[in-house]
Amino acid sequence: MNKITIEDLKKITKHYDLHVCRIKGSEVVQIRKNPSDKYEDISWKEFETVLKQKGLAVYKAAESDFLKIMKDKN
């Protein structure tokens, strides 16, 4: 898996109609497709801030658009 930038992530989320969100009542951020009562949408700025605060980054599979939020390897 390769680390991607927020700009690359924005392009992928737009293409697949994905949304950045937080699990309600927590500081856990995710990327979701379908709406649910357990998620609340957040801004890109807030998403990026949480990733930095927690030392996380978004990674994309080399041969597909599979995304995963993981500990930043840098």
C-alpha atoms as a PDB file:
ATOM      1  CA  MET A   1       0.000   0.000   0.000  1.00  0.00           C
ATOM      2  CA  ASN A   2       1.169   3.507  -0.800  1.00  0.00           C
ATOM      3  CA  LYS A   3       0.567   6.670   1.191  1.00  0.00           C
ATOM      4  CA  ILE A   4      -1.552   9.219  -0.681  1.00  0.00           C
ATOM      5  CA  THR A   5      -2.055  12.942  -0.241  1.00  0.00           C
ATOM      6  CA  ILE A   6      -5.289  14.557   0.869  1.00  0.00           C
ATOM      7  CA  GLU A   7      -5.649  15.978  -2.655  1.00  0.00           C
ATOM      8  CA  ASP A   8      -5.418  12.463  -4.134  1.00  0.00           C
ATOM      9  CA  LEU A   9      -7.933  11.258  -1.554  1.00  0.00           C
ATOM     10  CA  LYS A  10     -10.333  14.055  -2.501  1.00  0.00           C
ATOM     11  CA  LYS A  11     -10.236  12.900  -6.149  1.00  0.00           C
ATOM     12  CA  ILE A  12     -10.945   9.294  -5.174  1.00  0.00           C
ATOM     13  CA  THR A  13     -13.767  10.240  -2.797  1.00  0.00           C
ATOM     14  CA  LYS A  14     -15.375  12.398  -5.465  1.00  0.00           C
ATOM     15  CA  HIS A  15     -15.138   9.607  -8.054  1.00  0.00           C
ATOM     16  CA  TYR A  16     -16.717   7.002  -5.725  1.00  0.00           C
ATOM     17  CA  ASP A  17     -19.051   9.380  -3.838  1.00  0.00           C
ATOM     18  CA  LEU A  18     -17.286   8.712  -0.528  1.00  0.00           C
ATOM     19  CA  HIS A  19     -17.362  10.975   2.532  1.00  0.00           C
ATOM     20  CA  VAL A  20     -14.987  11.706   5.386  1.00  0.00           C
ATOM     21  CA  CYS A  21     -16.707  11.326   8.716  1.00  0.00           C
ATOM     22  CA  ARG A  22     -16.379  10.683  12.416  1.00  0.00           C
ATOM     23  CA  ILE A  23     -18.084   7.991  14.456  1.00  0.00           C
ATOM     24  CA  LYS A  24     -20.552   9.917  16.615  1.00  0.00           C
ATOM     25  CA  GLY A  25     -19.367  10.411  20.171  1.00  0.00           C
ATOM     26  CA  SER A  26     -15.739   9.569  19.374  1.00  0.00           C
ATOM     27  CA  GLU A  27     -12.615  10.951  17.764  1.00  0.00           C
ATOM     28  CA  VAL A  28     -12.411   8.067  15.270  1.00  0.00           C
ATOM     29  CA  VAL A  29     -12.400   9.268  11.651  1.00  0.00           C
ATOM     30  CA  GLN A  30     -13.340   7.136   8.685  1.00  0.00           C
ATOM     31  CA  ILE A  31     -14.095   7.222   4.987  1.00  0.00           C
ATOM     32  CA  ARG A  32     -17.606   5.978   4.252  1.00  0.00           C
ATOM     33  CA  LYS A  33     -19.872   5.307   1.295  1.00  0.00           C
ATOM     34  CA  ASN A  34     -23.340   4.909   2.762  1.00  0.00           C
ATOM     35  CA  PRO A  35     -24.961   7.253   5.276  1.00  0.00           C
ATOM     36  CA  SER A  36     -25.661   5.915   8.748  1.00  0.00           C
ATOM     37  CA  ASP A  37     -26.902   7.299  12.042  1.00  0.00           C
ATOM     38  CA  LYS A  38     -23.628   6.301  13.688  1.00  0.00           C
ATOM     39  CA  TYR A  39     -21.532   8.697  11.524  1.00  0.00           C
ATOM     40  CA  GLU A  40     -21.347  12.462  11.255  1.00  0.00           C
ATOM     41  CA  ASP A  41     -19.755  14.126   8.242  1.00  0.00           C
ATOM     42  CA  ILE A  42     -16.772  16.378   8.947  1.00  0.00           C
ATOM     43  CA  SER A  43     -14.824  18.929   6.917  1.00  0.00           C
ATOM     44  CA  TRP A  44     -11.667  18.040   5.044  1.00  0.00           C
ATOM     45  CA  LYS A  45      -9.731  20.392   7.304  1.00  0.00           C
ATOM     46  CA  GLU A  46     -10.994  18.599  10.420  1.00  0.00           C
ATOM     47  CA  PHE A  47     -10.239  15.195   8.858  1.00  0.00           C
ATOM     48  CA  GLU A  48      -6.676  16.240   8.028  1.00  0.00           C
ATOM     49  CA  THR A  49      -6.176  17.757  11.502  1.00  0.00           C
ATOM     50  CA  VAL A  50      -7.260  14.543  13.232  1.00  0.00           C
ATOM     51  CA  LEU A  51      -4.960  12.468  11.021  1.00  0.00           C
ATOM     52  CA  LYS A  52      -1.991  14.681  11.915  1.00  0.00           C
ATOM     53  CA  GLN A  53      -2.827  14.739  15.637  1.00  0.00           C
ATOM     54  CA  LYS A  54      -3.035  10.952  15.776  1.00  0.00           C
ATOM     55  CA  GLY A  55      -0.045  10.287  13.509  1.00  0.00           C
ATOM     56  CA  LEU A  56      -2.208   8.662  10.836  1.00  0.00           C
ATOM     57  CA  ALA A  57      -2.218   8.739   7.048  1.00  0.00           C
ATOM     58  CA  VAL A  58      -4.377   7.364   4.244  1.00  0.00           C
ATOM     59  CA  TYR A  59      -2.944   4.533   2.167  1.00  0.00           C
ATOM     60  CA  LYS A  60      -4.172   3.166  -1.171  1.00  0.00           C
ATOM     61  CA  ALA A  61      -3.635  -0.308  -2.554  1.00  0.00           C
ATOM     62  CA  ALA A  62      -1.198  -0.360  -5.468  1.00  0.00           C
ATOM     63  CA  GLU A  63      -3.504  -2.158  -7.902  1.00  0.00           C
ATOM     64  CA  SER A  64      -6.924  -0.928  -6.802  1.00  0.00           C
ATOM     65  CA  ASP A  65      -8.650   1.976  -5.083  1.00  0.00           C
ATOM     66  CA  PHE A  66      -8.860   0.189  -1.720  1.00  0.00           C
ATOM     67  CA  LEU A  67      -8.219   2.787   1.013  1.00  0.00           C
ATOM     68  CA  LYS A  68      -7.076   2.322   4.587  1.00  0.00           C
ATOM     69  CA  ILE A  69      -6.280   4.754   7.396  1.00  0.00           C
ATOM     70  CA  MET A  70      -3.133   3.548   9.141  1.00  0.00           C
ATOM     71  CA  LYS A  71      -0.268   4.770  11.299  1.00  0.00           C
ATOM     72  CA  ASP A  72       1.926   7.105   9.245  1.00  0.00           C
ATOM     73  CA  LYS A  73       5.091   5.223   8.300  1.00  0.00           C
ATOM     74  CA  ASN A  74       7.133   8.417   7.836  1.00  0.00           C
END
